[in-house]
PDB file of N, CA and C in Angstrom:
ATOM      1  N   UNK A   1     170.630 106.313  54.376  1.00  0.00           N
ATOM      2  CA  UNK A   1     169.999 105.152  54.946  1.00  0.00           C
ATOM      3  C   UNK A   1     170.788 103.907  54.600  1.00  0.00           C
ATOM      4  N   UNK A   2     170.953 103.047  55.586  1.00  0.00           N
ATOM      5  CA  UNK A   2     171.591 101.774  55.325  1.00  0.00           C
ATOM      6  C   UNK A   2     170.690 100.955  54.428  1.00  0.00           C
ATOM      7  N   UNK A   3     171.293 100.040  53.684  1.00  0.00           N
ATOM      8  CA  UNK A   3     170.477  99.159  52.858  1.00  0.00           C
ATOM      9  C   UNK A   3     169.607  98.320  53.780  1.00  0.00           C
ATOM     10  N   UNK A   4     168.308  98.389  53.570  1.00  0.00           N
ATOM     11  CA  UNK A   4     167.365  97.706  54.425  1.00  0.00           C
ATOM     12  C   UNK A   4     166.706  96.584  53.654  1.00  0.00           C
ATOM     13  N   UNK A   5     166.703  95.396  54.247  1.00  0.00           N
ATOM     14  CA  UNK A   5     166.047  94.272  53.601  1.00  0.00           C
ATOM     15  C   UNK A   5     164.537  94.438  53.680  1.00  0.00           C
ATOM     16  N   UNK A   6     164.059  94.912  54.820  1.00  0.00           N
ATOM     17  CA  UNK A   6     162.628  95.095  55.010  1.00  0.00           C
ATOM     18  C   UNK A   6     162.407  96.095  56.135  1.00  0.00           C
ATOM     19  N   UNK A   7     161.434  96.941  55.933  1.00  0.00           N
ATOM     20  CA  UNK A   7     161.038  97.879  56.973  1.00  0.00           C
ATOM     21  C   UNK A   7     159.941  97.196  57.781  1.00  0.00           C
ATOM     22  N   UNK A   8     160.080  97.233  59.102  1.00  0.00           N
ATOM     23  CA  UNK A   8     159.108  96.582  59.974  1.00  0.00           C
ATOM     24  C   UNK A   8     158.526  97.591  60.953  1.00  0.00           C
ATOM     25  N   UNK A   9     157.603  97.128  61.758  1.00  0.00           N
ATOM     26  CA  UNK A   9     157.010  98.001  62.780  1.00  0.00           C
ATOM     27  C   UNK A   9     158.036  98.447  63.807  1.00  0.00           C
ATOM     28  N   UNK A  10     159.136  97.712  63.898  1.00  0.00           N
ATOM     29  CA  UNK A  10     160.200  98.043  64.856  1.00  0.00           C
ATOM     30  C   UNK A  10     161.318  98.889  64.255  1.00  0.00           C
ATOM     31  N   UNK A  11     161.165  99.286  63.000  1.00  0.00           N
ATOM     32  CA  UNK A  11     162.139 100.160  62.360  1.00  0.00           C
ATOM     33  C   UNK A  11     162.033 101.543  62.990  1.00  0.00           C
ATOM     34  N   UNK A  12     163.172 102.097  63.362  1.00  0.00           N
ATOM     35  CA  UNK A  12     163.174 103.441  63.937  1.00  0.00           C
ATOM     36  C   UNK A  12     162.962 104.469  62.834  1.00  0.00           C
ATOM     37  N   UNK A  13     162.207 105.471  63.139  1.00  0.00           N
ATOM     38  CA  UNK A  13     161.921 106.528  62.175  1.00  0.00           C
ATOM     39  C   UNK A  13     163.216 107.151  61.651  1.00  0.00           C
ATOM     40  N   UNK A  14     164.211 107.255  62.502  1.00  0.00           N
ATOM     41  CA  UNK A  14     165.497 107.842  62.102  1.00  0.00           C
ATOM     42  C   UNK A  14     166.186 107.051  60.993  1.00  0.00           C
ATOM     43  N   UNK A  15     165.847 105.780  60.841  1.00  0.00           N
ATOM     44  CA  UNK A  15     166.469 104.941  59.813  1.00  0.00           C
ATOM     45  C   UNK A  15     165.914 105.214  58.422  1.00  0.00           C
ATOM     46  N   UNK A  16     164.732 105.801  58.348  1.00  0.00           N
ATOM     47  CA  UNK A  16     164.104 105.987  57.038  1.00  0.00           C
ATOM     48  C   UNK A  16     163.749 107.434  56.716  1.00  0.00           C
ATOM     49  N   UNK A  17     163.805 108.309  57.677  1.00  0.00           N
ATOM     50  CA  UNK A  17     163.298 109.669  57.528  1.00  0.00           C
ATOM     51  C   UNK A  17     164.054 110.503  56.493  1.00  0.00           C
ATOM     52  N   UNK A  18     165.291 110.186  56.214  1.00  0.00           N
ATOM     53  CA  UNK A  18     166.081 110.985  55.268  1.00  0.00           C
ATOM     54  C   UNK A  18     165.941 110.546  53.816  1.00  0.00           C
ATOM     55  N   UNK A  19     165.187 109.492  53.581  1.00  0.00           N
ATOM     56  CA  UNK A  19     164.955 109.001  52.228  1.00  0.00           C
ATOM     57  C   UNK A  19     163.774 109.771  51.631  1.00  0.00           C
ATOM     58  N   UNK A  20     163.998 110.443  50.505  1.00  0.00           N
ATOM     59  CA  UNK A  20     162.961 111.294  49.890  1.00  0.00           C
ATOM     60  C   UNK A  20     161.695 110.507  49.535  1.00  0.00           C
ATOM     61  N   UNK A  21     161.862 109.300  49.002  1.00  0.00           N
ATOM     62  CA  UNK A  21     160.693 108.485  48.665  1.00  0.00           C
ATOM     63  C   UNK A  21     159.890 108.136  49.909  1.00  0.00           C
ATOM     64  N   UNK A  22     160.592 107.795  50.959  1.00  0.00           N
ATOM     65  CA  UNK A  22     159.918 107.435  52.204  1.00  0.00           C
ATOM     66  C   UNK A  22     159.247 108.651  52.837  1.00  0.00           C
ATOM     67  N   UNK A  23     159.877 109.824  52.705  1.00  0.00           N
ATOM     68  CA  UNK A  23     159.276 111.055  53.230  1.00  0.00           C
ATOM     69  C   UNK A  23     157.925 111.319  52.557  1.00  0.00           C
ATOM     70  N   UNK A  24     157.871 111.101  51.256  1.00  0.00           N
ATOM     71  CA  UNK A  24     156.626 111.316  50.515  1.00  0.00           C
ATOM     72  C   UNK A  24     155.532 110.355  50.990  1.00  0.00           C
ATOM     73  N   UNK A  25     155.914 109.117  51.234  1.00  0.00           N
ATOM     74  CA  UNK A  25     154.953 108.123  51.704  1.00  0.00           C
ATOM     75  C   UNK A  25     154.464 108.488  53.103  1.00  0.00           C
ATOM     76  N   UNK A  26     155.390 108.844  53.980  1.00  0.00           N
ATOM     77  CA  UNK A  26     155.012 109.221  55.341  1.00  0.00           C
ATOM     78  C   UNK A  26     154.121 110.462  55.330  1.00  0.00           C
ATOM     79  N   UNK A  27     154.404 111.402  54.450  1.00  0.00           N
ATOM     80  CA  UNK A  27     153.576 112.602  54.324  1.00  0.00           C
ATOM     81  C   UNK A  27     152.182 112.242  53.818  1.00  0.00           C
ATOM     82  N   UNK A  28     152.122 111.315  52.887  1.00  0.00           N
ATOM     83  CA  UNK A  28     150.834 110.860  52.348  1.00  0.00           C
ATOM     84  C   UNK A  28     149.932 110.336  53.464  1.00  0.00           C
ATOM     85  N   UNK A  29     150.525 109.648  54.426  1.00  0.00           N
ATOM     86  CA  UNK A  29     149.765 109.086  55.543  1.00  0.00           C
ATOM     87  C   UNK A  29     149.707 110.041  56.733  1.00  0.00           C
ATOM     88  N   UNK A  30     150.146 111.261  56.517  1.00  0.00           N
ATOM     89  CA  UNK A  30     150.085 112.340  57.503  1.00  0.00           C
ATOM     90  C   UNK A  30     150.829 112.027  58.799  1.00  0.00           C
ATOM     91  N   UNK A  31     152.023 111.447  58.651  1.00  0.00           N
ATOM     92  CA  UNK A  31     152.882 111.213  59.813  1.00  0.00           C
ATOM     93  C   UNK A  31     153.388 112.581  60.267  1.00  0.00           C
ATOM     94  N   UNK A  32     152.988 113.034  61.447  1.00  0.00           N
ATOM     95  CA  UNK A  32     153.307 114.392  61.883  1.00  0.00           C
ATOM     96  C   UNK A  32     154.775 114.627  62.218  1.00  0.00           C
ATOM     97  N   UNK A  33     155.542 113.585  62.382  1.00  0.00           N
ATOM     98  CA  UNK A  33     156.955 113.727  62.767  1.00  0.00           C
ATOM     99  C   UNK A  33     157.780 114.470  61.717  1.00  0.00           C
ATOM    100  N   UNK A  34     157.297 114.512  60.503  1.00  0.00           N
ATOM    101  CA  UNK A  34     158.033 115.186  59.437  1.00  0.00           C
ATOM    102  C   UNK A  34     158.108 116.687  59.656  1.00  0.00           C
ATOM    103  N   UNK A  35     157.127 117.234  60.341  1.00  0.00           N
ATOM    104  CA  UNK A  35     157.083 118.679  60.550  1.00  0.00           C
ATOM    105  C   UNK A  35     157.125 119.075  62.029  1.00  0.00           C
ATOM    106  N   UNK A  36     157.192 118.096  62.896  1.00  0.00           N
ATOM    107  CA  UNK A  36     157.171 118.374  64.332  1.00  0.00           C
ATOM    108  C   UNK A  36     158.540 118.862  64.809  1.00  0.00           C
ATOM    109  N   UNK A  37     158.598 120.004  65.483  1.00  0.00           N
ATOM    110  CA  UNK A  37     159.883 120.517  65.959  1.00  0.00           C
ATOM    111  C   UNK A  37     160.499 119.649  67.065  1.00  0.00           C
ATOM    112  N   UNK A  38     159.700 118.849  67.735  1.00  0.00           N
ATOM    113  CA  UNK A  38     160.216 117.990  68.801  1.00  0.00           C
ATOM    114  C   UNK A  38     160.735 116.652  68.275  1.00  0.00           C
ATOM    115  N   UNK A  39     160.398 116.318  67.038  1.00  0.00           N
ATOM    116  CA  UNK A  39     160.805 115.039  66.459  1.00  0.00           C
ATOM    117  C   UNK A  39     162.323 114.875  66.455  1.00  0.00           C
ATOM    118  N   UNK A  40     163.037 115.964  66.263  1.00  0.00           N
ATOM    119  CA  UNK A  40     164.492 115.902  66.238  1.00  0.00           C
ATOM    120  C   UNK A  40     165.059 115.298  67.534  1.00  0.00           C
ATOM    121  N   UNK A  41     164.355 115.482  68.631  1.00  0.00           N
ATOM    122  CA  UNK A  41     164.805 114.956  69.924  1.00  0.00           C
ATOM    123  C   UNK A  41     164.355 113.513  70.164  1.00  0.00           C
ATOM    124  N   UNK A  42     163.297 113.103  69.482  1.00  0.00           N
ATOM    125  CA  UNK A  42     162.700 111.795  69.737  1.00  0.00           C
ATOM    126  C   UNK A  42     162.934 110.776  68.626  1.00  0.00           C
ATOM    127  N   UNK A  43     163.304 111.234  67.465  1.00  0.00           N
ATOM    128  CA  UNK A  43     163.334 110.403  66.264  1.00  0.00           C
ATOM    129  C   UNK A  43     164.216 109.155  66.383  1.00  0.00           C
ATOM    130  N   UNK A  44     165.269 109.242  67.171  1.00  0.00           N
ATOM    131  CA  UNK A  44     166.169 108.096  67.341  1.00  0.00           C
ATOM    132  C   UNK A  44     165.508 106.956  68.111  1.00  0.00           C
ATOM    133  N   UNK A  45     164.479 107.272  68.885  1.00  0.00           N
ATOM    134  CA  UNK A  45     163.846 106.276  69.751  1.00  0.00           C
ATOM    135  C   UNK A  45     162.433 105.898  69.343  1.00  0.00           C
ATOM    136  N   UNK A  46     161.908 106.514  68.299  1.00  0.00           N
ATOM    137  CA  UNK A  46     160.544 106.234  67.877  1.00  0.00           C
ATOM    138  C   UNK A  46     160.504 105.180  66.780  1.00  0.00           C
ATOM    139  N   UNK A  47     159.731 104.138  67.013  1.00  0.00           N
ATOM    140  CA  UNK A  47     159.538 103.133  65.965  1.00  0.00           C
ATOM    141  C   UNK A  47     158.299 103.507  65.158  1.00  0.00           C
ATOM    142  N   UNK A  48     158.193 102.937  63.980  1.00  0.00           N
ATOM    143  CA  UNK A  48     157.001 103.181  63.169  1.00  0.00           C
ATOM    144  C   UNK A  48     155.741 102.751  63.913  1.00  0.00           C
ATOM    145  N   UNK A  49     155.823 101.653  64.624  1.00  0.00           N
ATOM    146  CA  UNK A  49     154.671 101.170  65.380  1.00  0.00           C
ATOM    147  C   UNK A  49     154.228 102.204  66.424  1.00  0.00           C
ATOM    148  N   UNK A  50     155.171 102.762  67.138  1.00  0.00           N
ATOM    149  CA  UNK A  50     154.847 103.748  68.174  1.00  0.00           C
ATOM    150  C   UNK A  50     154.202 105.002  67.578  1.00  0.00           C
ATOM    151  N   UNK A  51     154.737 105.450  66.466  1.00  0.00           N
ATOM    152  CA  UNK A  51     154.189 106.632  65.809  1.00  0.00           C
ATOM    153  C   UNK A  51     152.770 106.349  65.331  1.00  0.00           C
ATOM    154  N   UNK A  52     152.580 105.199  64.712  1.00  0.00           N
ATOM    155  CA  UNK A  52     151.260 104.857  64.191  1.00  0.00           C
ATOM    156  C   UNK A  52     150.238 104.675  65.308  1.00  0.00           C
ATOM    157  N   UNK A  53     150.656 104.069  66.402  1.00  0.00           N
ATOM    158  CA  UNK A  53     149.738 103.901  67.532  1.00  0.00           C
ATOM    159  C   UNK A  53     149.387 105.252  68.155  1.00  0.00           C
ATOM    160  N   UNK A  54     150.368 106.113  68.298  1.00  0.00           N
ATOM    161  CA  UNK A  54     150.150 107.421  68.907  1.00  0.00           C
ATOM    162  C   UNK A  54     149.185 108.275  68.094  1.00  0.00           C
ATOM    163  N   UNK A  55     149.312 108.223  66.777  1.00  0.00           N
ATOM    164  CA  UNK A  55     148.514 109.090  65.914  1.00  0.00           C
ATOM    165  C   UNK A  55     147.410 108.348  65.166  1.00  0.00           C
ATOM    166  N   UNK A  56     147.158 107.102  65.558  1.00  0.00           N
ATOM    167  CA  UNK A  56     146.094 106.291  64.963  1.00  0.00           C
ATOM    168  C   UNK A  56     146.226 106.215  63.433  1.00  0.00           C
ATOM    169  N   UNK A  57     147.429 105.861  62.982  1.00  0.00           N
ATOM    170  CA  UNK A  57     147.715 105.730  61.557  1.00  0.00           C
ATOM    171  C   UNK A  57     147.709 104.254  61.169  1.00  0.00           C
ATOM    172  N   UNK A  58     147.475 103.974  59.906  1.00  0.00           N
ATOM    173  CA  UNK A  58     147.383 102.606  59.418  1.00  0.00           C
ATOM    174  C   UNK A  58     148.781 102.028  59.179  1.00  0.00           C
ATOM    175  N   UNK A  59     149.310 101.367  60.182  1.00  0.00           N
ATOM    176  CA  UNK A  59     150.666 100.802  60.124  1.00  0.00           C
ATOM    177  C   UNK A  59     150.812  99.812  58.980  1.00  0.00           C
ATOM    178  N   UNK A  60     149.839  98.950  58.810  1.00  0.00           N
ATOM    179  CA  UNK A  60     149.906  97.911  57.768  1.00  0.00           C
ATOM    180  C   UNK A  60     150.075  98.532  56.376  1.00  0.00           C
ATOM    181  N   UNK A  61     149.281  99.542  56.071  1.00  0.00           N
ATOM    182  CA  UNK A  61     149.372 100.179  54.761  1.00  0.00           C
ATOM    183  C   UNK A  61     150.670 100.960  54.584  1.00  0.00           C
ATOM    184  N   UNK A  62     151.107 101.618  55.635  1.00  0.00           N
ATOM    185  CA  UNK A  62     152.366 102.370  55.570  1.00  0.00           C
ATOM    186  C   UNK A  62     153.532 101.420  55.321  1.00  0.00           C
ATOM    187  N   UNK A  63     153.590 100.331  56.068  1.00  0.00           N
ATOM    188  CA  UNK A  63     154.674  99.357  55.885  1.00  0.00           C
ATOM    189  C   UNK A  63     154.647  98.758  54.481  1.00  0.00           C
ATOM    190  N   UNK A  64     153.468  98.439  54.006  1.00  0.00           N
ATOM    191  CA  UNK A  64     153.340  97.854  52.663  1.00  0.00           C
ATOM    192  C   UNK A  64     153.904  98.798  51.606  1.00  0.00           C
ATOM    193  N   UNK A  65     153.535 100.069  51.705  1.00  0.00           N
ATOM    194  CA  UNK A  65     153.993 101.043  50.716  1.00  0.00           C
ATOM    195  C   UNK A  65     155.482 101.356  50.852  1.00  0.00           C
ATOM    196  N   UNK A  66     155.967 101.467  52.085  1.00  0.00           N
ATOM    197  CA  UNK A  66     157.404 101.706  52.289  1.00  0.00           C
ATOM    198  C   UNK A  66     158.229 100.552  51.705  1.00  0.00           C
ATOM    199  N   UNK A  67     157.811  99.332  51.988  1.00  0.00           N
ATOM    200  CA  UNK A  67     158.571  98.176  51.521  1.00  0.00           C
ATOM    201  C   UNK A  67     158.515  98.006  50.006  1.00  0.00           C
ATOM    202  N   UNK A  68     157.461  98.488  49.370  1.00  0.00           N
ATOM    203  CA  UNK A  68     157.397  98.456  47.907  1.00  0.00           C
ATOM    204  C   UNK A  68     158.431  99.381  47.291  1.00  0.00           C
ATOM    205  N   UNK A  69     158.891 100.358  48.057  1.00  0.00           N
ATOM    206  CA  UNK A  69     159.810 101.359  47.528  1.00  0.00           C
ATOM    207  C   UNK A  69     161.260 101.168  47.957  1.00  0.00           C
ATOM    208  N   UNK A  70     161.588 100.027  48.536  1.00  0.00           N
ATOM    209  CA  UNK A  70     162.980  99.725  48.862  1.00  0.00           C
ATOM    210  C   UNK A  70     163.695  99.325  47.590  1.00  0.00           C
ATOM    211  N   UNK A  71     164.871  99.898  47.400  1.00  0.00           N
ATOM    212  CA  UNK A  71     165.669  99.539  46.205  1.00  0.00           C
ATOM    213  C   UNK A  71     166.450  98.280  46.479  1.00  0.00           C
TER     214      UNK A  71
END
């Protein structure tokens, strides 16, 4: 992952999905893309906002926790 100043609702899932800490956070909020076989085809174009809207996930809490874990 590139050094990110801040993760936003417009951050693509592909930018953060390979970070182990972020994977744990996304799993905690039950982001299905981590285990979805189709995610590999869509991950480059999916933003966190789109994923959260699609699966009715709490974007605000996810962003807060992800940003707390940026080095």
